[in-house]
């Protein structure tokens, strides 16, 4: 696997987003295991507050959060520096998935649909 340097956001010991250079594989991702995902998820939940998160899903390269109250999702995402929205209008009810990268992981936060279309 060829490694390259990439700049990604990570959390420092105070749980604030900072920039860091990390070695990545040829796909642009850091080789991680599920333990790294659990550690990152734990730090992210501690940052936003465990009482605000209902569900956490962790894979080898992704952490997904569902807030206790979906209306807080966008605010939580912005606190984490996640600024790429994906609107799911076909779901009932619709929702927006906010994404970005933190600690070398894709992080997703679900929220209410940001601009609902009225019939």
Protein backbone atom coordinates (compact mmCIF):
# COMPACT_ATOMS: atom_id res chain seq x y z
CA UNK A 1 0.00 0.00 0.00
CA UNK A 2 1.46 3.34 -1.03
CA UNK A 3 1.29 6.04 1.66
CA UNK A 4 0.87 9.74 1.04
CA UNK A 5 0.51 12.66 3.41
CA UNK A 6 -2.92 14.22 3.78
CA UNK A 7 -4.26 16.94 6.00
CA UNK A 8 -7.36 15.96 7.93
CA UNK A 9 -9.27 17.39 10.85
CA UNK A 10 -8.87 15.63 14.18
CA UNK A 11 -9.78 16.27 17.78
CA UNK A 12 -7.06 17.28 20.22
CA UNK A 13 -7.08 16.38 23.90
CA UNK A 14 -9.48 19.26 24.61
CA UNK A 15 -11.89 17.76 22.03
CA UNK A 16 -11.55 20.72 19.66
CA UNK A 17 -11.08 20.21 15.91
CA UNK A 18 -7.49 20.77 14.77
CA UNK A 19 -5.56 20.05 11.57
CA UNK A 20 -3.03 17.21 11.35
CA UNK A 21 -0.98 15.40 8.73
CA UNK A 22 -1.69 11.66 8.60
CA UNK A 23 -0.35 8.85 6.43
CA UNK A 24 -3.01 7.53 4.06
CA UNK A 25 -3.28 4.55 1.76
CA UNK A 26 -3.63 4.78 -2.04
CA UNK A 27 -7.39 5.36 -1.70
CA UNK A 28 -6.73 8.46 0.40
CA UNK A 29 -7.91 6.78 3.62
CA UNK A 30 -5.94 5.96 6.73
CA UNK A 31 -5.74 2.24 7.46
CA UNK A 32 -7.86 1.89 10.62
CA UNK A 33 -9.54 -0.82 12.60
CA UNK A 34 -12.82 -0.93 14.49
CA UNK A 35 -11.08 0.01 17.74
CA UNK A 36 -9.96 3.29 16.18
CA UNK A 37 -13.57 3.91 15.16
CA UNK A 38 -14.83 3.26 18.67
CA UNK A 39 -12.22 5.60 20.12
CA UNK A 40 -13.11 8.35 17.64
CA UNK A 41 -16.84 7.86 18.28
CA UNK A 42 -16.30 8.09 22.03
CA UNK A 43 -14.35 11.34 21.68
CA UNK A 44 -16.95 12.84 19.33
CA UNK A 45 -19.85 11.93 21.65
CA UNK A 46 -17.96 13.40 24.62
CA UNK A 47 -17.44 16.61 22.64
CA UNK A 48 -21.10 17.15 21.75
CA UNK A 49 -22.54 15.63 24.94
CA UNK A 50 -23.78 12.07 25.38
CA UNK A 51 -27.25 13.30 26.35
CA UNK A 52 -27.65 14.81 22.85
CA UNK A 53 -26.92 11.55 20.97
CA UNK A 54 -29.45 8.72 20.66
CA UNK A 55 -27.61 6.33 18.33
CA UNK A 56 -24.00 5.85 17.19
CA UNK A 57 -23.00 3.57 14.31
CA UNK A 58 -19.29 2.78 13.86
CA UNK A 59 -17.51 1.07 10.96
CA UNK A 60 -13.82 0.86 10.11
CA UNK A 61 -13.89 4.26 8.39
CA UNK A 62 -17.18 5.93 9.36
CA UNK A 63 -18.94 7.25 12.47
CA UNK A 64 -22.66 8.05 12.13
CA UNK A 65 -24.61 9.93 14.79
CA UNK A 66 -28.33 10.30 15.27
CA UNK A 67 -29.21 13.03 17.75
CA UNK A 68 -31.84 12.49 20.43
CA UNK A 69 -33.72 15.39 18.81
CA UNK A 70 -33.22 15.51 15.04
CA UNK A 71 -33.80 19.27 15.03
CA UNK A 72 -30.40 19.59 16.81
CA UNK A 73 -28.59 17.65 14.09
CA UNK A 74 -27.43 20.58 11.99
CA UNK A 75 -26.18 22.44 15.08
CA UNK A 76 -24.23 19.36 16.24
CA UNK A 77 -22.78 18.89 12.75
CA UNK A 78 -21.61 22.50 12.63
CA UNK A 79 -20.03 22.16 16.09
CA UNK A 80 -17.98 19.31 14.63
CA UNK A 81 -17.09 21.26 11.49
CA UNK A 82 -19.21 19.06 9.21
CA UNK A 83 -20.49 21.22 6.39
CA UNK A 84 -21.49 18.96 3.50
CA UNK A 85 -25.28 18.36 3.48
CA UNK A 86 -27.04 15.53 1.68
CA UNK A 87 -30.82 16.00 1.57
CA UNK A 88 -32.96 12.85 1.54
CA UNK A 89 -36.29 14.15 0.27
CA UNK A 90 -37.68 10.75 -0.74
CA UNK A 91 -37.64 9.45 2.84
CA UNK A 92 -40.73 9.93 4.98
CA UNK A 93 -40.06 12.04 6.88
CA UNK A 94 -37.24 13.60 4.87
CA UNK A 95 -33.89 14.27 6.54
CA UNK A 96 -30.51 15.83 5.88
CA UNK A 97 -27.27 13.96 6.47
CA UNK A 98 -24.38 16.30 7.32
CA UNK A 99 -20.94 14.86 6.54
CA UNK A 100 -17.26 15.65 6.77
CA UNK A 101 -14.00 14.15 7.95
CA UNK A 102 -12.74 14.10 11.52
CA UNK A 103 -9.91 12.03 13.01
CA UNK A 104 -9.49 10.33 9.62
CA UNK A 105 -13.08 9.09 9.67
CA UNK A 106 -16.06 10.13 7.62
CA UNK A 107 -18.49 11.51 10.20
CA UNK A 108 -22.21 11.79 9.51
CA UNK A 109 -24.89 13.52 11.58
CA UNK A 110 -28.57 13.09 10.75
CA UNK A 111 -30.91 16.07 11.08
CA UNK A 112 -34.34 17.25 10.03
CA UNK A 113 -34.64 18.14 6.36
CA UNK A 114 -33.12 21.59 6.09
CA UNK A 115 -35.47 22.92 3.38
CA UNK A 116 -38.66 20.93 3.20
CA UNK A 117 -40.52 21.12 -0.10
CA UNK A 118 -44.20 21.86 0.36
CA UNK A 119 -46.68 20.32 -2.09
